[in-house]
Amino acid sequence: MADLKIKGDVLDELFHTFTTMAKRLDYAARSMKGTDTDVVGAWMLMRELQDFAESWEYGIEQLGEHADGAAKMLRKIATDFDGLEKELEAALQPKGS
């Protein structure tokens, strides 16, 4: 048996986290942008809140794109690792079995 080990459940959790991150962050940005600014009071504070929401939306979009890329790389790592593990296991098998 090959000694290479990687915890598939850990990779699966990371993959799930990265594939859902963009949606969750987008929801947070839309919620912030849709906040009723009248509840914060002063007009300057309302403007700052709106500016912050707009800049946060851009940052969240960037994080989402990077998270999608990370998820794709994790999937590739898992696939490549599985292939390497099978190759190593085959190489360690006694000849003629």
Protein backbone atom coordinates (compact mmCIF):
# COMPACT_ATOMS: atom_id res chain seq x y z
CA MET A 1 0.00 0.00 0.00
CA ALA A 2 1.24 3.46 -0.84
CA ASP A 3 2.24 5.83 1.95
CA LEU A 4 0.81 8.91 0.28
CA LYS A 5 -2.18 10.19 2.22
CA ILE A 6 -4.42 13.14 1.81
CA LYS A 7 -7.66 13.63 3.68
CA GLY A 8 -10.39 13.74 1.08
CA ASP A 9 -12.89 15.10 3.56
CA VAL A 10 -10.63 18.09 4.25
CA LEU A 11 -10.31 18.79 0.53
CA ASP A 12 -14.08 18.41 0.14
CA GLU A 13 -14.71 20.89 2.96
CA LEU A 14 -12.30 23.41 1.45
CA PHE A 15 -13.87 22.92 -1.98
CA HIS A 16 -17.35 23.51 -0.53
CA THR A 17 -16.16 26.59 1.34
CA PHE A 18 -14.57 28.12 -1.75
CA THR A 19 -17.45 27.26 -4.09
CA THR A 20 -20.04 28.82 -1.77
CA MET A 21 -17.94 31.79 -0.65
CA ALA A 22 -18.82 34.00 -3.61
CA LYS A 23 -22.57 33.52 -3.05
CA ARG A 24 -22.35 34.18 0.66
CA LEU A 25 -20.20 37.28 0.22
CA ASP A 26 -22.43 38.58 -2.56
CA TYR A 27 -25.45 38.20 -0.28
CA ALA A 28 -23.65 40.18 2.44
CA ALA A 29 -22.75 42.95 -0.01
CA ARG A 30 -26.29 43.18 -1.40
CA SER A 31 -27.70 43.26 2.13
CA MET A 32 -25.36 46.07 3.13
CA LYS A 33 -26.02 48.00 -0.06
CA GLY A 34 -29.76 47.59 0.42
CA THR A 35 -29.70 48.84 4.02
CA ASP A 36 -32.11 51.64 4.72
CA THR A 37 -29.67 54.49 5.27
CA ASP A 38 -32.33 56.55 7.00
CA VAL A 39 -31.88 54.39 10.10
CA VAL A 40 -28.26 55.55 10.54
CA GLY A 41 -29.19 59.17 10.90
CA ALA A 42 -26.91 61.94 9.68
CA TRP A 43 -26.63 62.43 5.92
CA MET A 44 -22.81 62.25 5.99
CA LEU A 45 -22.96 58.90 7.74
CA MET A 46 -25.52 57.69 5.20
CA ARG A 47 -23.22 58.70 2.34
CA GLU A 48 -20.26 56.96 3.99
CA LEU A 49 -22.32 53.81 4.43
CA GLN A 50 -23.28 53.83 0.77
CA ASP A 51 -19.67 54.44 -0.33
CA PHE A 52 -18.46 51.65 1.93
CA ALA A 53 -21.09 49.26 0.56
CA GLU A 54 -20.06 50.01 -3.01
CA SER A 55 -16.34 49.49 -2.35
CA TRP A 56 -17.07 46.38 -0.30
CA GLU A 57 -19.09 45.01 -3.20
CA TYR A 58 -16.05 45.30 -5.48
CA GLY A 59 -13.82 43.58 -2.92
CA ILE A 60 -16.32 40.80 -2.44
CA GLU A 61 -16.53 40.28 -6.19
CA GLN A 62 -12.74 39.94 -6.31
CA LEU A 63 -12.72 37.51 -3.38
CA GLY A 64 -15.41 35.45 -5.08
CA GLU A 65 -13.38 35.19 -8.26
CA HIS A 66 -10.30 34.10 -6.34
CA ALA A 67 -12.34 31.61 -4.31
CA ASP A 68 -13.66 30.06 -7.52
CA GLY A 69 -10.08 29.73 -8.78
CA ALA A 70 -9.00 28.16 -5.50
CA ALA A 71 -11.87 25.65 -5.69
CA LYS A 72 -10.82 24.62 -9.20
CA MET A 73 -7.23 24.16 -8.05
CA LEU A 74 -8.36 22.07 -5.07
CA ARG A 75 -10.35 19.81 -7.37
CA LYS A 76 -7.29 19.44 -9.64
CA ILE A 77 -5.05 18.69 -6.66
CA ALA A 78 -7.44 15.96 -5.50
CA THR A 79 -7.65 14.43 -8.99
CA ASP A 80 -3.89 14.58 -9.55
CA PHE A 81 -3.19 13.16 -6.11
CA ASP A 82 -5.55 10.24 -6.70
CA GLY A 83 -3.71 9.47 -9.94
CA LEU A 84 -0.30 9.66 -8.27
CA GLU A 85 -1.44 7.43 -5.45
CA LYS A 86 -2.63 4.79 -7.92
CA GLU A 87 0.66 5.00 -9.85
CA LEU A 88 2.68 4.63 -6.65
CA GLU A 89 0.57 1.72 -5.47
CA ALA A 90 1.02 -0.03 -8.83
CA ALA A 91 4.78 0.58 -8.72
CA LEU A 92 4.99 -0.95 -5.24
CA GLN A 93 3.13 -4.12 -6.23
CA PRO A 94 5.36 -7.15 -6.55
CA LYS A 95 6.11 -7.98 -10.18
CA GLY A 96 3.88 -10.69 -11.64
CA SER A 97 0.94 -10.31 -9.21
